[in-house]
């Protein structure tokens, strides 16, 4: 690996990374894996499994005992820590905002440190607040205590994007808000990621959040051991160990439906009654098997049509077809549902 640390399309590389503390506690155990440019990789596992330590190795808030971490082909150990962190966005619980500074000042923190002029900072702040769904005219002059929890998290994301970083590190950013706000923030973040396309390491202890957000999911067990790194559909459909199977839960078969896409090449032919099945219900070919199954359960015929991008029905799908495609996705290795995986309105 060290012969070509950057690699084609690799933004983050962990190469034999080990972190052991003076008392003998192992936080990260001989970790080697790549995160490609533009990928949203979620680190998930129980408390104390080393996922946050792994993330903090990237911006040198934690230093490895041995091994190396590469950022865009450079060993981060050879980069000035302050300069490194200005290239990396960092989002934590509660947003980590400065309470005595306005929203605009918080968002403009890194650009100010980089010496941008006031007009450029003001323009960037307005752009970023709009990007995360906040009206600059209403929110720029407010202070963190005047915002809701969800609004503070949005400001935290905007601040992390301040100087157009190459990588975003996100440490359980949505765990401190209520479930309804959390789902909204997850959907908003997927929309934002589709627009900005940053490389993201996202830490969570919630497997549902991990499979909903991640292009790939890294499951850690105690002692900083990486048990499995794969697409959400593959983690759910083919757990690599007993630990992963227990962690993702006994309902993993149901969860798989929402992260496994319809395979347009494996549909049943359209029946002789016409271009759509008798129920007239249809789903787009880009939908998940979960969306298809929901429609199937609502159809009198137990079958729905699948439409291509032009609205033409290209085949039909029933419960038997959903089951067939699930089995095939495990055998062949399913690609994740196309980003952005934003729930329909």
Protein backbone atom coordinates (compact mmCIF):
# COMPACT_ATOMS: atom_id res chain seq x y z
CA UNK A 1 0.00 0.00 0.00
CA UNK A 2 2.68 2.48 0.93
CA UNK A 3 4.10 2.37 -2.55
CA UNK A 4 1.12 4.26 -3.86
CA UNK A 5 -0.66 5.81 -0.85
CA UNK A 6 -2.96 8.05 -2.87
CA UNK A 7 -4.24 5.57 -5.42
CA UNK A 8 -6.75 6.37 -8.11
CA UNK A 9 -9.69 8.15 -6.52
CA UNK A 10 -8.59 7.47 -2.92
CA UNK A 11 -9.06 10.44 -0.59
CA UNK A 12 -8.42 8.80 2.81
CA UNK A 13 -6.27 5.75 3.43
CA UNK A 14 -5.65 3.94 6.71
CA UNK A 15 -2.52 1.81 6.33
CA UNK A 16 -1.84 -0.60 9.20
CA UNK A 17 -3.01 1.97 11.76
CA UNK A 18 -2.85 0.94 15.41
CA UNK A 19 -3.66 3.04 18.46
CA UNK A 20 -2.75 1.71 21.89
CA UNK A 21 -2.70 3.76 25.08
CA UNK A 22 -0.14 3.59 27.89
CA UNK A 23 -2.35 1.32 30.01
CA UNK A 24 -2.49 -1.24 27.19
CA UNK A 25 -5.98 -0.35 25.96
CA UNK A 26 -6.27 -0.88 22.20
CA UNK A 27 -8.55 1.70 20.58
CA UNK A 28 -7.77 0.94 16.91
CA UNK A 29 -6.46 -2.46 15.88
CA UNK A 30 -4.30 -2.73 12.74
CA UNK A 31 -6.75 -0.81 10.57
CA UNK A 32 -6.36 -0.73 6.77
CA UNK A 33 -9.02 0.56 4.40
CA UNK A 34 -9.63 3.28 1.80
CA UNK A 35 -12.31 5.93 1.41
CA UNK A 36 -12.72 7.09 -2.15
CA UNK A 37 -13.23 10.67 -3.28
CA UNK A 38 -16.85 11.79 -2.83
CA UNK A 39 -17.79 8.75 -0.74
CA UNK A 40 -19.92 8.95 2.40
CA UNK A 41 -18.43 6.26 4.64
CA UNK A 42 -20.18 5.65 7.96
CA UNK A 43 -18.30 4.22 10.95
CA UNK A 44 -20.71 2.40 13.27
CA UNK A 45 -20.43 0.26 16.36
CA UNK A 46 -21.09 0.18 20.11
CA UNK A 47 -19.70 2.77 22.50
CA UNK A 48 -15.97 2.44 23.04
CA UNK A 49 -15.25 0.48 19.84
CA UNK A 50 -12.80 3.04 18.44
CA UNK A 51 -14.89 4.63 15.69
CA UNK A 52 -14.41 8.21 16.94
CA UNK A 53 -10.71 7.56 17.57
CA UNK A 54 -10.43 6.33 13.97
CA UNK A 55 -12.01 9.52 12.67
CA UNK A 56 -9.80 11.75 14.87
CA UNK A 57 -6.68 10.12 13.41
CA UNK A 58 -7.47 11.85 10.11
CA UNK A 59 -7.15 15.40 11.48
CA UNK A 60 -4.47 14.45 14.03
CA UNK A 61 -6.56 15.12 17.11
CA UNK A 62 -5.28 11.63 17.91
CA UNK A 63 -1.89 10.31 16.81
CA UNK A 64 -1.38 6.62 15.89
CA UNK A 65 0.94 4.32 17.80
CA UNK A 66 2.04 2.92 14.46
CA UNK A 67 0.89 2.90 10.87
CA UNK A 68 -0.05 5.90 8.74
CA UNK A 69 -3.09 7.85 7.59
CA UNK A 70 -3.02 9.44 4.14
CA UNK A 71 -5.13 12.37 2.96
CA UNK A 72 -5.23 12.76 -0.81
CA UNK A 73 -1.95 10.86 -1.05
CA UNK A 74 -0.10 12.73 1.73
CA UNK A 75 0.86 11.20 5.05
CA UNK A 76 -0.98 13.42 7.55
CA UNK A 77 1.86 12.88 10.02
CA UNK A 78 4.04 15.04 7.79
CA UNK A 79 1.54 17.93 7.51
CA UNK A 80 1.42 20.80 10.01
CA UNK A 81 -1.56 19.96 12.24
CA UNK A 82 -3.06 23.46 12.10
CA UNK A 83 -2.82 23.65 8.32
CA UNK A 84 -4.22 20.13 8.03
CA UNK A 85 -7.30 20.96 10.13
CA UNK A 86 -8.06 24.01 8.02
CA UNK A 87 -8.43 21.65 5.04
CA UNK A 88 -10.85 19.39 6.91
CA UNK A 89 -14.39 20.21 8.03
CA UNK A 90 -15.32 18.94 11.50
CA UNK A 91 -18.87 18.61 12.85
CA UNK A 92 -19.68 17.36 16.36
CA UNK A 93 -22.75 16.94 18.55
CA UNK A 94 -24.64 20.17 19.27
CA UNK A 95 -22.70 21.81 16.42
CA UNK A 96 -19.85 22.90 18.71
CA UNK A 97 -20.64 26.56 18.02
CA UNK A 98 -19.00 29.49 19.81
CA UNK A 99 -21.85 30.77 22.03
CA UNK A 100 -20.60 34.37 22.15
CA UNK A 101 -20.37 34.71 18.35
CA UNK A 102 -23.16 35.23 15.86
CA UNK A 103 -24.16 32.63 13.31
CA UNK A 104 -22.34 34.60 10.61
CA UNK A 105 -19.18 34.81 12.70
CA UNK A 106 -19.33 31.09 13.47
CA UNK A 107 -19.72 30.13 9.82
CA UNK A 108 -16.93 32.51 8.80
CA UNK A 109 -14.43 31.17 11.38
CA UNK A 110 -12.05 29.30 9.06
CA UNK A 111 -12.22 31.84 6.18
CA UNK A 112 -11.29 34.53 8.75
CA UNK A 113 -8.34 32.45 9.96
CA UNK A 114 -7.24 32.08 6.35
CA UNK A 115 -7.22 35.86 5.92
CA UNK A 116 -10.16 36.26 3.53
CA UNK A 117 -11.42 39.83 3.14
CA UNK A 118 -14.74 40.82 4.75
CA UNK A 119 -16.76 40.93 1.55
CA UNK A 120 -15.61 37.49 0.49
CA UNK A 121 -16.42 36.09 3.93
CA UNK A 122 -19.87 37.74 3.94
CA UNK A 123 -20.63 36.31 0.52
CA UNK A 124 -19.46 32.83 1.54
CA UNK A 125 -21.50 32.90 4.76
CA UNK A 126 -24.66 33.81 2.86
CA UNK A 127 -24.03 31.10 0.30
CA UNK A 128 -23.48 28.43 2.95
CA UNK A 129 -26.49 29.37 5.07
CA UNK A 130 -28.70 29.10 2.01
CA UNK A 131 -27.05 25.77 1.17
CA UNK A 132 -28.05 24.29 4.55
CA UNK A 133 -31.56 25.72 4.35
CA UNK A 134 -31.27 28.79 6.57
CA UNK A 135 -32.25 32.30 5.45
CA UNK A 136 -29.21 34.58 5.95
CA UNK A 137 -31.46 37.60 6.53
CA UNK A 138 -33.17 35.82 9.43
CA UNK A 139 -30.33 33.84 10.97
CA UNK A 140 -26.94 35.45 10.25
CA UNK A 141 -27.09 37.88 13.19
CA UNK A 142 -28.58 35.46 15.71
CA UNK A 143 -26.62 33.73 18.45
CA UNK A 144 -26.56 29.95 18.98
CA UNK A 145 -28.87 30.10 22.02
CA UNK A 146 -31.54 31.70 19.82
CA UNK A 147 -31.64 28.66 17.50
CA UNK A 148 -33.31 25.27 17.74
CA UNK A 149 -31.17 22.16 18.05
CA UNK A 150 -31.69 21.34 14.39
CA UNK A 151 -30.76 24.87 13.34
CA UNK A 152 -27.56 24.72 15.40
CA UNK A 153 -26.59 21.49 13.64
CA UNK A 154 -27.19 23.12 10.25
CA UNK A 155 -24.94 26.02 11.26
CA UNK A 156 -22.32 23.49 12.39
CA UNK A 157 -22.37 21.87 8.95
CA UNK A 158 -22.18 25.29 7.26
CA UNK A 159 -19.16 26.22 9.39
CA UNK A 160 -17.46 22.94 8.51
CA UNK A 161 -17.88 23.76 4.82
CA UNK A 162 -16.58 27.31 5.31
CA UNK A 163 -13.32 27.10 3.37
CA UNK A 164 -14.43 24.39 0.93
CA UNK A 165 -12.67 21.48 2.70
CA UNK A 166 -11.65 18.31 0.87
CA UNK A 167 -13.01 16.09 3.66
CA UNK A 168 -15.81 16.31 6.25
CA UNK A 169 -15.49 14.52 9.59
CA UNK A 170 -18.85 14.19 11.38
CA UNK A 171 -18.98 12.79 14.92
CA UNK A 172 -22.58 11.78 15.78
CA UNK A 173 -23.80 15.18 14.53
CA UNK A 174 -27.54 14.41 14.76
CA UNK A 175 -27.68 12.35 17.95
CA UNK A 176 -28.58 15.27 20.24
CA UNK A 177 -31.83 16.23 18.47
CA UNK A 178 -35.30 14.68 18.67
CA UNK A 179 -36.20 11.82 16.29
CA UNK A 180 -38.34 13.95 13.98
CA UNK A 181 -35.67 16.64 13.60
CA UNK A 182 -33.07 13.92 13.16
CA UNK A 183 -34.85 12.42 10.16
CA UNK A 184 -35.19 15.90 8.62
CA UNK A 185 -31.49 16.59 9.16
CA UNK A 186 -30.53 13.24 7.64
CA UNK A 187 -32.63 13.93 4.53
CA UNK A 188 -31.23 17.47 4.30
CA UNK A 189 -27.69 16.19 4.65
CA UNK A 190 -28.17 13.67 1.83
CA UNK A 191 -29.48 16.49 -0.36
CA UNK A 192 -26.48 18.62 0.58
CA UNK A 193 -24.02 15.78 -0.03
CA UNK A 194 -25.51 15.20 -3.48
CA UNK A 195 -24.85 18.87 -4.22
CA UNK A 196 -21.36 19.35 -2.75
CA UNK A 197 -20.01 15.79 -3.15
CA UNK A 198 -17.48 15.86 -0.31
CA UNK A 199 -15.62 12.85 1.05
CA UNK A 200 -17.25 12.19 4.42
CA UNK A 201 -16.36 10.07 7.45
CA UNK A 202 -19.52 9.93 9.56
CA UNK A 203 -19.55 8.37 13.04
CA UNK A 204 -22.73 7.00 14.62
CA UNK A 205 -23.79 4.27 17.04
CA UNK A 206 -27.15 3.92 15.25
CA UNK A 207 -27.22 1.18 12.61
CA UNK A 208 -30.43 2.59 11.09
CA UNK A 209 -28.71 5.95 10.53
CA UNK A 210 -25.64 4.20 9.14
CA UNK A 211 -27.50 2.18 6.51
CA UNK A 212 -29.69 5.14 5.57
CA UNK A 213 -26.80 7.55 4.98
CA UNK A 214 -23.78 5.50 4.00
CA UNK A 215 -22.46 4.63 0.56
CA UNK A 216 -20.48 2.09 2.58
CA UNK A 217 -20.71 1.10 6.23
CA UNK A 218 -17.74 0.15 8.43
CA UNK A 219 -18.84 -1.96 11.41
CA UNK A 220 -16.46 -1.91 14.39
CA UNK A 221 -16.37 -4.19 17.42
CA UNK A 222 -14.69 -3.63 20.79
CA UNK A 223 -10.95 -3.18 20.64
CA UNK A 224 -11.09 -1.15 17.44
CA UNK A 225 -11.51 -4.17 15.17
CA UNK A 226 -13.06 -3.56 11.74
CA UNK A 227 -15.50 -6.44 11.33
CA UNK A 228 -16.93 -5.51 7.92
CA UNK A 229 -16.77 -2.70 5.36
CA UNK A 230 -19.36 -2.94 2.59
CA UNK A 231 -22.47 -1.41 1.08
CA UNK A 232 -25.50 -1.18 3.39
CA UNK A 233 -27.29 -3.89 1.39
CA UNK A 234 -24.36 -6.29 1.72
CA UNK A 235 -23.83 -5.60 5.45
CA UNK A 236 -27.50 -6.42 6.04
CA UNK A 237 -27.73 -9.29 3.58
CA UNK A 238 -24.40 -11.00 4.18
CA UNK A 239 -22.99 -10.14 7.64
CA UNK A 240 -19.31 -11.05 7.77
CA UNK A 241 -19.38 -12.28 11.37
CA UNK A 242 -21.70 -13.22 14.20
CA UNK A 243 -20.97 -9.85 15.79
CA UNK A 244 -22.17 -7.97 12.68
CA UNK A 245 -25.31 -10.13 12.45
CA UNK A 246 -26.16 -9.40 16.09
CA UNK A 247 -25.36 -5.70 15.76
CA UNK A 248 -27.50 -5.05 12.66
CA UNK A 249 -30.40 -6.89 14.29
CA UNK A 250 -32.84 -9.69 13.55
CA UNK A 251 -34.93 -7.35 11.38
CA UNK A 252 -32.06 -6.85 8.94
CA UNK A 253 -34.09 -8.52 6.18
CA UNK A 254 -36.70 -5.76 6.40
CA UNK A 255 -34.03 -3.05 6.58
CA UNK A 256 -32.43 -4.44 3.42
CA UNK A 257 -35.52 -3.59 1.40
CA UNK A 258 -34.89 0.14 1.76
CA UNK A 259 -31.20 0.01 0.78
CA UNK A 260 -31.42 -2.45 -2.11
CA UNK A 261 -32.35 -0.96 -5.50
CA UNK A 262 -34.70 -2.51 -8.00
CA UNK A 263 -32.77 -4.41 -10.66
CA UNK A 264 -34.43 -3.41 -13.98
CA UNK A 265 -32.77 -6.37 -15.70
CA UNK A 266 -34.59 -8.83 -13.45
CA UNK A 267 -38.26 -7.91 -13.85
CA UNK A 268 -41.22 -10.03 -14.92
CA UNK A 269 -42.60 -9.32 -18.36
CA UNK A 270 -45.58 -7.01 -18.77
CA UNK A 271 -48.78 -9.07 -18.95
CA UNK A 272 -51.07 -9.29 -21.99
CA UNK A 273 -53.70 -7.05 -20.41
CA UNK A 274 -51.85 -3.88 -21.33
CA UNK A 275 -48.81 -1.76 -20.64
CA UNK A 276 -49.50 -1.68 -16.88
CA UNK A 277 -50.55 -4.38 -14.42
CA UNK A 278 -54.24 -4.60 -13.43
CA UNK A 279 -53.73 -2.46 -10.31
CA UNK A 280 -52.25 0.38 -12.42
CA UNK A 281 -49.78 1.06 -9.60
CA UNK A 282 -46.25 1.84 -10.75
CA UNK A 283 -42.87 2.67 -9.18
CA UNK A 284 -39.78 4.18 -10.82
CA UNK A 285 -36.91 1.88 -11.72
CA UNK A 286 -34.67 3.96 -9.45
CA UNK A 287 -36.76 3.10 -6.37
CA UNK A 288 -35.72 0.74 -3.59
CA UNK A 289 -37.23 -2.70 -3.13
CA UNK A 290 -38.80 -1.28 0.03
CA UNK A 291 -40.76 1.29 -1.99
CA UNK A 292 -41.75 -1.42 -4.45
CA UNK A 293 -42.92 -3.76 -1.66
CA UNK A 294 -45.02 -1.01 -0.10
CA UNK A 295 -46.75 -0.47 -3.45
CA UNK A 296 -47.18 -4.24 -3.96
CA UNK A 297 -48.97 -4.55 -0.62
CA UNK A 298 -51.37 -1.82 -1.71
CA UNK A 299 -52.10 -3.41 -5.08
CA UNK A 300 -55.14 -5.66 -5.46
CA UNK A 301 -53.18 -7.83 -7.88
CA UNK A 302 -50.11 -8.03 -5.64
CA UNK A 303 -48.03 -6.73 -8.53
CA UNK A 304 -46.82 -3.30 -9.69
CA UNK A 305 -45.37 -1.88 -12.87
CA UNK A 306 -41.81 -0.53 -12.98
CA UNK A 307 -41.25 2.63 -15.06
CA UNK A 308 -38.12 3.88 -16.75
CA UNK A 309 -37.05 7.53 -16.82
CA UNK A 310 -39.45 8.27 -19.67
CA UNK A 311 -42.46 6.90 -17.79
CA UNK A 312 -42.71 3.72 -19.88
CA UNK A 313 -43.47 0.49 -18.02
CA UNK A 314 -40.55 -1.88 -18.60
CA UNK A 315 -41.73 -4.80 -16.48
CA UNK A 316 -43.67 -5.85 -13.40
CA UNK A 317 -42.70 -6.86 -9.89
CA UNK A 318 -44.46 -8.93 -7.24
CA UNK A 319 -43.46 -10.21 -3.81
CA UNK A 320 -41.83 -13.24 -5.43
CA UNK A 321 -39.71 -10.93 -7.59
CA UNK A 322 -38.68 -8.84 -4.58
CA UNK A 323 -37.55 -11.99 -2.81
CA UNK A 324 -35.67 -13.15 -5.90
CA UNK A 325 -33.88 -9.82 -6.26
CA UNK A 326 -32.92 -9.81 -2.56
CA UNK A 327 -31.35 -13.27 -2.88
CA UNK A 328 -29.54 -12.21 -6.04
CA UNK A 329 -28.23 -9.00 -4.42
CA UNK A 330 -26.48 -11.05 -1.73
CA UNK A 331 -25.00 -13.43 -4.29
CA UNK A 332 -23.83 -10.74 -6.70
CA UNK A 333 -23.19 -7.87 -4.28
CA UNK A 334 -25.79 -5.13 -4.63
CA UNK A 335 -24.85 -1.55 -5.34
CA UNK A 336 -26.37 0.95 -2.91
CA UNK A 337 -29.52 2.81 -3.83
CA UNK A 338 -28.52 5.79 -5.96
CA UNK A 339 -27.58 8.94 -4.04
CA UNK A 340 -29.34 11.00 -2.90
CA UNK A 341 -31.37 8.51 -0.87
CA UNK A 342 -33.86 11.15 0.19
CA UNK A 343 -37.32 9.91 1.16
CA UNK A 344 -40.05 11.10 -1.24
CA UNK A 345 -42.21 13.99 -0.10
